[in-house]
Every structure is written in C-alpha cells, then in structure tokens.
C-alpha cells in the first residue's frame, strides 16, 4: 500500500462480522467438507460473504497434509478422512465444538501467520471467560493447559487451509467429548506421555456448547476485525 495514500498512523478499518451458522445435531464430515468447498468457491467468485460455521461431528479421525500413517494407531475404530488442511491427525466427535472459519484474508490481512496467531488468541480469550488459562507452546500447535508437575493437556486444535486468500477449516475446542477416543491416534503427532488432552468439563467446568458459542461470538471482532494497514 502506498504510504502517501494511507499513512501508517491512519486508523485500521473495522471489518463487518461474518455470518454465523450454528448447526443442529451432528454433521457428517464429508457433508461439511463439501459445504465449505462450495461456500469458499462462492466467496472467491464474489458471490458470498464470510461465514463461521459452528458444529459437531460424529466420532471420526481426520488426517492433515502432514499426517504420518504410523500415528493412526487404531485405524478400524472410527472413519478416517483426508481433510486437506494443514497438520497431522486429529479427532472430532460429539461434545467438541468445531468452528470452520471462512474468512476473506485479502480484505482482513493476507498473512498466514497472522491468521494462525489470531485463531489462537480467539481461543485463548474465549477460554478465559471460564477462568481457563489457555497457552501457546513453541513447536506444539494448538492451545494447552498447564496441569502442574510437568504435565500439559491440549484443549483446542487448529488446522487451516487457504485458497486464493480465503481461509477454511479452523479450530476445535473440547467441551465434553469422550477423551478416550483420542487414544486411536497420536494427536497432532505429539506422543510424549506428559502431553495429553483435556476438555472444559474434564477441568471441572460445567460449560455448555451454547456457553462456548457465546464466548466465541463475543470475542471474534476484537481479535479479527482490526486489519492492520498493508505495506
């Protein structure tokens, strides 16, 4: 951007909020992929706006583009899908909130690192509403909770895909899933025994899916709407 046309001191543009869609029941994963693909295609063509799709899936495993087959330790347990997103294996299932974020990064900020950092910050702020201190960890994707005595548990996963500066896939946050279902994979390729998985309910917090949705909606604009001026 020409600094003469838009000085760095100029206030950043506040972006309008995306459309929020909350799905009823469990959404088939193949259906979700097709829905995202269709909407992203419409966004690229200028025929649709941004959308955040909040949903739950039936029990399944997804393989990101960096997944290693040896990390699928129980391949017959649940259906396995090639997700097309970045990252390795993860689990989705009832009691886990998935937020598919279809955002126009050309309008917001065409920077992959900014998007990942913003997704992390969004989760951290939402969790803080329930007095949970979510933290980033160098070399370990997602948001983690310190359980003490050297143990840390993952409470949220992040995996994205970008096509022509439109993002899709997004985040998943464990509200009250069956944590034993994670044992069929090495989640995100992290096998050390001191690193596990947790959920809001596992932490002793009786949080509902609606409570979490409200927190996500409440904090979205503060994290994503202020796009920095582009150089």
C-alpha atoms as a PDB file:
ATOM      1  CA  UNK A   1       0.000   0.000   0.000  1.00  0.00           C
ATOM      2  CA  UNK A   2       1.263   3.495  -0.879  1.00  0.00           C
ATOM      3  CA  UNK A   3       2.072   5.214   2.410  1.00  0.00           C
ATOM      4  CA  UNK A   4       1.161   8.572   0.840  1.00  0.00           C
ATOM      5  CA  UNK A   5      -2.351   7.290   0.203  1.00  0.00           C
ATOM      6  CA  UNK A   6      -2.735   5.592   3.593  1.00  0.00           C
ATOM      7  CA  UNK A   7      -0.336   6.772   6.324  1.00  0.00           C
ATOM      8  CA  UNK A   8       0.666   4.218   8.919  1.00  0.00           C
ATOM      9  CA  UNK A   9      -0.952   6.414  11.552  1.00  0.00           C
ATOM     10  CA  UNK A  10      -4.342   6.019   9.873  1.00  0.00           C
ATOM     11  CA  UNK A  11      -6.835   4.062  11.953  1.00  0.00           C
ATOM     12  CA  UNK A  12      -7.288   0.490  10.728  1.00  0.00           C
ATOM     13  CA  UNK A  13     -10.573  -0.394   9.071  1.00  0.00           C
ATOM     14  CA  UNK A  14     -13.142  -2.183  11.224  1.00  0.00           C
ATOM     15  CA  UNK A  15     -14.382  -5.165   9.263  1.00  0.00           C
ATOM     16  CA  UNK A  16     -18.025  -6.294   9.444  1.00  0.00           C
ATOM     17  CA  UNK A  17     -18.743  -9.518  11.281  1.00  0.00           C
ATOM     18  CA  UNK A  18     -19.176 -12.696   9.249  1.00  0.00           C
ATOM     19  CA  UNK A  19     -22.364 -14.717   9.059  1.00  0.00           C
ATOM     20  CA  UNK A  20     -22.637 -17.146  11.973  1.00  0.00           C
ATOM     21  CA  UNK A  21     -24.230 -20.540  11.315  1.00  0.00           C
ATOM     22  CA  UNK A  22     -24.853 -22.949  14.195  1.00  0.00           C
ATOM     23  CA  UNK A  23     -25.672 -26.482  13.045  1.00  0.00           C
ATOM     24  CA  UNK A  24     -28.234 -28.665  14.784  1.00  0.00           C
ATOM     25  CA  UNK A  25     -27.240 -32.245  15.539  1.00  0.00           C
ATOM     26  CA  UNK A  26     -24.130 -33.990  14.241  1.00  0.00           C
ATOM     27  CA  UNK A  27     -22.868 -33.002  10.787  1.00  0.00           C
ATOM     28  CA  UNK A  28     -21.391 -35.659   8.504  1.00  0.00           C
ATOM     29  CA  UNK A  29     -17.751 -34.841   7.776  1.00  0.00           C
ATOM     30  CA  UNK A  30     -17.976 -35.326   4.009  1.00  0.00           C
ATOM     31  CA  UNK A  31     -21.013 -33.039   4.005  1.00  0.00           C
ATOM     32  CA  UNK A  32     -19.068 -30.428   5.950  1.00  0.00           C
ATOM     33  CA  UNK A  33     -16.147 -30.554   3.520  1.00  0.00           C
ATOM     34  CA  UNK A  34     -18.494 -30.178   0.562  1.00  0.00           C
ATOM     35  CA  UNK A  35     -20.269 -27.293   2.267  1.00  0.00           C
ATOM     36  CA  UNK A  36     -17.017 -25.483   2.965  1.00  0.00           C
ATOM     37  CA  UNK A  37     -15.735 -26.056  -0.570  1.00  0.00           C
ATOM     38  CA  UNK A  38     -18.950 -24.686  -2.052  1.00  0.00           C
ATOM     39  CA  UNK A  39     -19.002 -21.605   0.153  1.00  0.00           C
ATOM     40  CA  UNK A  40     -15.301 -20.850  -0.364  1.00  0.00           C
ATOM     41  CA  UNK A  41     -15.827 -21.111  -4.122  1.00  0.00           C
ATOM     42  CA  UNK A  42     -18.667 -18.606  -3.877  1.00  0.00           C
ATOM     43  CA  UNK A  43     -16.506 -16.273  -1.805  1.00  0.00           C
ATOM     44  CA  UNK A  44     -13.707 -16.401  -4.352  1.00  0.00           C
ATOM     45  CA  UNK A  45     -16.227 -15.611  -7.092  1.00  0.00           C
ATOM     46  CA  UNK A  46     -17.509 -12.658  -5.095  1.00  0.00           C
ATOM     47  CA  UNK A  47     -20.921 -14.276  -4.636  1.00  0.00           C
ATOM     48  CA  UNK A  48     -20.857 -14.845  -0.866  1.00  0.00           C
ATOM     49  CA  UNK A  49     -19.547 -13.245   2.276  1.00  0.00           C
ATOM     50  CA  UNK A  50     -17.570 -14.595   5.194  1.00  0.00           C
ATOM     51  CA  UNK A  51     -19.042 -17.351   7.322  1.00  0.00           C
ATOM     52  CA  UNK A  52     -18.250 -19.069  10.615  1.00  0.00           C
ATOM     53  CA  UNK A  53     -19.866 -22.478  10.865  1.00  0.00           C
ATOM     54  CA  UNK A  54     -20.210 -23.914  14.383  1.00  0.00           C
ATOM     55  CA  UNK A  55     -20.921 -27.637  14.518  1.00  0.00           C
ATOM     56  CA  UNK A  56     -20.228 -31.067  15.976  1.00  0.00           C
ATOM     57  CA  UNK A  57     -19.230 -34.191  14.070  1.00  0.00           C
ATOM     58  CA  UNK A  58     -19.901 -37.862  14.774  1.00  0.00           C
ATOM     59  CA  UNK A  59     -16.768 -39.687  16.034  1.00  0.00           C
ATOM     60  CA  UNK A  60     -14.050 -39.677  13.363  1.00  0.00           C
ATOM     61  CA  UNK A  61     -10.380 -39.059  12.705  1.00  0.00           C
ATOM     62  CA  UNK A  62      -9.033 -36.606  10.150  1.00  0.00           C
ATOM     63  CA  UNK A  63      -5.612 -36.633   8.518  1.00  0.00           C
ATOM     64  CA  UNK A  64      -3.980 -33.341   7.645  1.00  0.00           C
ATOM     65  CA  UNK A  65      -1.430 -32.902   4.889  1.00  0.00           C
ATOM     66  CA  UNK A  66       1.461 -33.704   7.280  1.00  0.00           C
ATOM     67  CA  UNK A  67      -0.098 -36.839   8.820  1.00  0.00           C
ATOM     68  CA  UNK A  68       2.056 -39.966   9.268  1.00  0.00           C
ATOM     69  CA  UNK A  69       0.234 -43.277   8.902  1.00  0.00           C
ATOM     70  CA  UNK A  70       2.001 -44.731  11.950  1.00  0.00           C
ATOM     71  CA  UNK A  71       0.210 -42.097  14.084  1.00  0.00           C
ATOM     72  CA  UNK A  72      -3.115 -43.764  13.282  1.00  0.00           C
ATOM     73  CA  UNK A  73      -2.820 -46.396  15.997  1.00  0.00           C
ATOM     74  CA  UNK A  74      -6.353 -47.831  15.778  1.00  0.00           C
ATOM     75  CA  UNK A  75      -7.376 -47.468  12.112  1.00  0.00           C
ATOM     76  CA  UNK A  76     -10.555 -49.540  12.417  1.00  0.00           C
ATOM     77  CA  UNK A  77     -12.028 -47.637  15.338  1.00  0.00           C
ATOM     78  CA  UNK A  78     -13.676 -44.696  13.573  1.00  0.00           C
ATOM     79  CA  UNK A  79     -13.901 -43.459   9.969  1.00  0.00           C
ATOM     80  CA  UNK A  80     -10.766 -41.687   8.764  1.00  0.00           C
ATOM     81  CA  UNK A  81     -10.934 -38.750   6.376  1.00  0.00           C
ATOM     82  CA  UNK A  82      -8.280 -36.896   4.412  1.00  0.00           C
ATOM     83  CA  UNK A  83      -9.033 -33.332   5.494  1.00  0.00           C
ATOM     84  CA  UNK A  84      -6.917 -31.282   3.085  1.00  0.00           C
ATOM     85  CA  UNK A  85      -5.961 -28.915   5.901  1.00  0.00           C
ATOM     86  CA  UNK A  86      -2.533 -28.442   7.386  1.00  0.00           C
ATOM     87  CA  UNK A  87      -1.424 -30.516  10.354  1.00  0.00           C
ATOM     88  CA  UNK A  88      -1.497 -34.172  11.298  1.00  0.00           C
ATOM     89  CA  UNK A  89      -4.157 -36.492  12.792  1.00  0.00           C
ATOM     90  CA  UNK A  90      -6.902 -35.164  14.983  1.00  0.00           C
ATOM     91  CA  UNK A  91     -10.173 -36.403  16.430  1.00  0.00           C
ATOM     92  CA  UNK A  92     -13.629 -34.881  16.060  1.00  0.00           C
ATOM     93  CA  UNK A  93     -16.730 -36.053  17.855  1.00  0.00           C
ATOM     94  CA  UNK A  94     -19.765 -35.177  19.951  1.00  0.00           C
ATOM     95  CA  UNK A  95     -19.025 -32.730  22.739  1.00  0.00           C
ATOM     96  CA  UNK A  96     -16.336 -30.943  20.736  1.00  0.00           C
ATOM     97  CA  UNK A  97     -17.093 -27.573  19.200  1.00  0.00           C
ATOM     98  CA  UNK A  98     -15.702 -27.221  15.693  1.00  0.00           C
ATOM     99  CA  UNK A  99     -15.591 -23.712  14.238  1.00  0.00           C
ATOM    100  CA  UNK A 100     -14.981 -23.594  10.489  1.00  0.00           C
ATOM    101  CA  UNK A 101     -13.758 -20.086   9.718  1.00  0.00           C
ATOM    102  CA  UNK A 102     -14.261 -18.981   6.110  1.00  0.00           C
ATOM    103  CA  UNK A 103     -12.605 -15.566   6.052  1.00  0.00           C
ATOM    104  CA  UNK A 104     -11.508 -13.196   3.300  1.00  0.00           C
ATOM    105  CA  UNK A 105      -7.877 -12.604   4.142  1.00  0.00           C
ATOM    106  CA  UNK A 106      -7.361 -10.193   1.265  1.00  0.00           C
ATOM    107  CA  UNK A 107      -9.822  -7.897   2.991  1.00  0.00           C
ATOM    108  CA  UNK A 108      -8.578  -8.580   6.506  1.00  0.00           C
ATOM    109  CA  UNK A 109      -4.868  -9.369   6.266  1.00  0.00           C
ATOM    110  CA  UNK A 110      -3.189 -11.693   3.729  1.00  0.00           C
ATOM    111  CA  UNK A 111      -0.783 -13.241   6.215  1.00  0.00           C
ATOM    112  CA  UNK A 112      -0.927 -16.902   7.251  1.00  0.00           C
ATOM    113  CA  UNK A 113       0.974 -16.336  10.477  1.00  0.00           C
ATOM    114  CA  UNK A 114      -1.419 -13.550  11.421  1.00  0.00           C
ATOM    115  CA  UNK A 115      -4.366 -15.885  10.838  1.00  0.00           C
ATOM    116  CA  UNK A 116      -2.922 -18.682  12.987  1.00  0.00           C
ATOM    117  CA  UNK A 117      -1.984 -16.255  15.753  1.00  0.00           C
ATOM    118  CA  UNK A 118      -5.462 -14.714  15.617  1.00  0.00           C
ATOM    119  CA  UNK A 119      -7.151 -18.113  15.831  1.00  0.00           C
ATOM    120  CA  UNK A 120      -5.005 -18.918  18.864  1.00  0.00           C
ATOM    121  CA  UNK A 121      -5.827 -15.593  20.504  1.00  0.00           C
ATOM    122  CA  UNK A 122      -9.531 -16.096  19.804  1.00  0.00           C
ATOM    123  CA  UNK A 123      -9.492 -19.436  21.614  1.00  0.00           C
ATOM    124  CA  UNK A 124      -7.429 -18.070  24.497  1.00  0.00           C
ATOM    125  CA  UNK A 125      -9.842 -15.190  25.077  1.00  0.00           C
ATOM    126  CA  UNK A 126     -12.908 -17.446  24.886  1.00  0.00           C
ATOM    127  CA  UNK A 127     -11.404 -19.893  27.390  1.00  0.00           C
ATOM    128  CA  UNK A 128     -10.526 -17.042  29.739  1.00  0.00           C
ATOM    129  CA  UNK A 129     -14.256 -16.372  30.133  1.00  0.00           C
ATOM    130  CA  UNK A 130     -14.385 -19.683  32.021  1.00  0.00           C
ATOM    131  CA  UNK A 131     -11.225 -18.970  34.049  1.00  0.00           C
ATOM    132  CA  UNK A 132      -9.150 -21.316  31.913  1.00  0.00           C
ATOM    133  CA  UNK A 133      -5.647 -20.131  31.065  1.00  0.00           C
ATOM    134  CA  UNK A 134      -5.023 -21.393  27.544  1.00  0.00           C
ATOM    135  CA  UNK A 135      -1.440 -21.047  26.343  1.00  0.00           C
ATOM    136  CA  UNK A 136       0.597 -21.337  23.168  1.00  0.00           C
ATOM    137  CA  UNK A 137       3.607 -23.633  23.081  1.00  0.00           C
ATOM    138  CA  UNK A 138       6.552 -23.336  20.707  1.00  0.00           C
ATOM    139  CA  UNK A 139       6.655 -26.354  18.410  1.00  0.00           C
ATOM    140  CA  UNK A 140       3.251 -27.670  19.546  1.00  0.00           C
ATOM    141  CA  UNK A 141       0.263 -26.472  17.578  1.00  0.00           C
ATOM    142  CA  UNK A 142      -2.951 -25.688  19.421  1.00  0.00           C
ATOM    143  CA  UNK A 143      -3.850 -24.323  22.829  1.00  0.00           C
ATOM    144  CA  UNK A 144      -2.601 -26.006  26.000  1.00  0.00           C
ATOM    145  CA  UNK A 145      -3.470 -26.041  29.697  1.00  0.00           C
ATOM    146  CA  UNK A 146      -0.769 -26.453  32.352  1.00  0.00           C
ATOM    147  CA  UNK A 147      -1.886 -29.240  34.706  1.00  0.00           C
ATOM    148  CA  UNK A 148       1.152 -28.985  37.005  1.00  0.00           C
ATOM    149  CA  UNK A 149       4.124 -31.270  37.698  1.00  0.00           C
ATOM    150  CA  UNK A 150       5.320 -31.013  34.100  1.00  0.00           C
ATOM    151  CA  UNK A 151       2.037 -32.177  32.567  1.00  0.00           C
ATOM    152  CA  UNK A 152       0.250 -30.184  29.894  1.00  0.00           C
ATOM    153  CA  UNK A 153      -3.006 -31.076  28.145  1.00  0.00           C
ATOM    154  CA  UNK A 154      -4.296 -29.840  24.829  1.00  0.00           C
ATOM    155  CA  UNK A 155      -7.756 -28.328  24.899  1.00  0.00           C
ATOM    156  CA  UNK A 156      -8.000 -26.903  21.371  1.00  0.00           C
ATOM    157  CA  UNK A 157      -6.637 -27.824  17.949  1.00  0.00           C
ATOM    158  CA  UNK A 158      -6.008 -25.591  14.943  1.00  0.00           C
ATOM    159  CA  UNK A 159      -5.810 -26.613  11.300  1.00  0.00           C
ATOM    160  CA  UNK A 160      -6.332 -24.341   8.309  1.00  0.00           C
ATOM    161  CA  UNK A 161      -6.354 -24.294   4.546  1.00  0.00           C
ATOM    162  CA  UNK A 162      -6.155 -21.211   2.350  1.00  0.00           C
ATOM    163  CA  UNK A 163      -7.274 -20.884  -1.255  1.00  0.00           C
ATOM    164  CA  UNK A 164      -6.722 -17.591  -3.045  1.00  0.00           C
ATOM    165  CA  UNK A 165      -6.577 -15.878   0.334  1.00  0.00           C
ATOM    166  CA  UNK A 166      -9.845 -17.341   1.554  1.00  0.00           C
ATOM    167  CA  UNK A 167      -9.413 -19.447   4.696  1.00  0.00           C
ATOM    168  CA  UNK A 168     -11.324 -22.538   5.689  1.00  0.00           C
ATOM    169  CA  UNK A 169     -11.217 -25.369   8.234  1.00  0.00           C
ATOM    170  CA  UNK A 170     -10.324 -23.684  11.552  1.00  0.00           C
ATOM    171  CA  UNK A 171     -10.422 -24.710  15.208  1.00  0.00           C
ATOM    172  CA  UNK A 172     -11.848 -27.336  17.529  1.00  0.00           C
ATOM    173  CA  UNK A 173     -12.358 -26.894  21.277  1.00  0.00           C
ATOM    174  CA  UNK A 174     -13.039 -29.743  23.667  1.00  0.00           C
ATOM    175  CA  UNK A 175     -16.149 -29.022  25.716  1.00  0.00           C
ATOM    176  CA  UNK A 176     -17.205 -32.525  26.790  1.00  0.00           C
ATOM    177  CA  UNK A 177     -16.028 -35.131  24.267  1.00  0.00           C
ATOM    178  CA  UNK A 178     -15.158 -38.716  25.192  1.00  0.00           C
ATOM    179  CA  UNK A 179     -11.432 -38.191  25.745  1.00  0.00           C
ATOM    180  CA  UNK A 180     -10.745 -41.925  25.372  1.00  0.00           C
ATOM    181  CA  UNK A 181     -11.500 -41.512  21.659  1.00  0.00           C
ATOM    182  CA  UNK A 182      -8.218 -39.641  21.225  1.00  0.00           C
ATOM    183  CA  UNK A 183      -6.319 -42.863  22.033  1.00  0.00           C
ATOM    184  CA  UNK A 184      -6.768 -44.193  18.489  1.00  0.00           C
ATOM    185  CA  UNK A 185      -4.320 -41.620  17.137  1.00  0.00           C
ATOM    186  CA  UNK A 186      -1.209 -39.737  18.158  1.00  0.00           C
ATOM    187  CA  UNK A 187      -2.918 -36.337  18.312  1.00  0.00           C
ATOM    188  CA  UNK A 188      -1.058 -33.872  16.101  1.00  0.00           C
ATOM    189  CA  UNK A 189       1.950 -36.209  16.201  1.00  0.00           C
ATOM    190  CA  UNK A 190       2.730 -35.444  19.857  1.00  0.00           C
ATOM    191  CA  UNK A 191       3.463 -38.758  21.580  1.00  0.00           C
ATOM    192  CA  UNK A 192       5.204 -37.727  24.817  1.00  0.00           C
ATOM    193  CA  UNK A 193       3.275 -39.072  27.818  1.00  0.00           C
ATOM    194  CA  UNK A 194       3.361 -35.760  29.657  1.00  0.00           C
ATOM    195  CA  UNK A 195       1.260 -34.165  26.897  1.00  0.00           C
ATOM    196  CA  UNK A 196      -2.376 -35.269  26.841  1.00  0.00           C
ATOM    197  CA  UNK A 197      -5.812 -33.915  26.026  1.00  0.00           C
ATOM    198  CA  UNK A 198      -8.435 -32.292  28.215  1.00  0.00           C
ATOM    199  CA  UNK A 199     -11.790 -30.570  27.998  1.00  0.00           C
ATOM    200  CA  UNK A 200     -13.687 -27.888  29.847  1.00  0.00           C
ATOM    201  CA  UNK A 201     -15.751 -30.492  31.668  1.00  0.00           C
ATOM    202  CA  UNK A 202     -12.630 -32.560  32.426  1.00  0.00           C
ATOM    203  CA  UNK A 203     -11.259 -29.431  34.110  1.00  0.00           C
ATOM    204  CA  UNK A 204     -14.337 -29.407  36.350  1.00  0.00           C
ATOM    205  CA  UNK A 205     -16.195 -26.669  34.492  1.00  0.00           C
ATOM    206  CA  UNK A 206     -19.864 -27.336  33.634  1.00  0.00           C
ATOM    207  CA  UNK A 207     -19.718 -25.337  30.394  1.00  0.00           C
ATOM    208  CA  UNK A 208     -22.358 -25.939  27.731  1.00  0.00           C
ATOM    209  CA  UNK A 209     -21.849 -25.738  23.978  1.00  0.00           C
ATOM    210  CA  UNK A 210     -24.038 -22.630  23.960  1.00  0.00           C
ATOM    211  CA  UNK A 211     -21.860 -21.002  26.621  1.00  0.00           C
ATOM    212  CA  UNK A 212     -18.775 -21.541  24.489  1.00  0.00           C
ATOM    213  CA  UNK A 213     -20.524 -20.317  21.346  1.00  0.00           C
ATOM    214  CA  UNK A 214     -21.454 -17.101  23.145  1.00  0.00           C
ATOM    215  CA  UNK A 215     -17.825 -16.585  24.186  1.00  0.00           C
ATOM    216  CA  UNK A 216     -16.550 -17.198  20.651  1.00  0.00           C
ATOM    217  CA  UNK A 217     -19.041 -14.746  19.195  1.00  0.00           C
ATOM    218  CA  UNK A 218     -18.275 -12.185  21.886  1.00  0.00           C
ATOM    219  CA  UNK A 219     -14.528 -12.136  21.248  1.00  0.00           C
ATOM    220  CA  UNK A 220     -14.350 -12.572  17.478  1.00  0.00           C
ATOM    221  CA  UNK A 221     -14.488  -8.927  16.406  1.00  0.00           C
ATOM    222  CA  UNK A 222     -11.908  -7.785  18.938  1.00  0.00           C
ATOM    223  CA  UNK A 223      -9.396 -10.273  17.538  1.00  0.00           C
ATOM    224  CA  UNK A 224     -10.154 -10.289  13.811  1.00  0.00           C
ATOM    225  CA  UNK A 225     -11.859  -7.055  12.814  1.00  0.00           C
ATOM    226  CA  UNK A 226      -8.935  -4.682  13.042  1.00  0.00           C
ATOM    227  CA  UNK A 227      -6.873  -5.434   9.972  1.00  0.00           C
ATOM    228  CA  UNK A 228      -3.502  -3.705  10.099  1.00  0.00           C
ATOM    229  CA  UNK A 229      -2.666  -1.354   7.215  1.00  0.00           C
ATOM    230  CA  UNK A 230      -0.839  -3.221   4.467  1.00  0.00           C
ATOM    231  CA  UNK A 231       2.587  -2.122   3.305  1.00  0.00           C
END
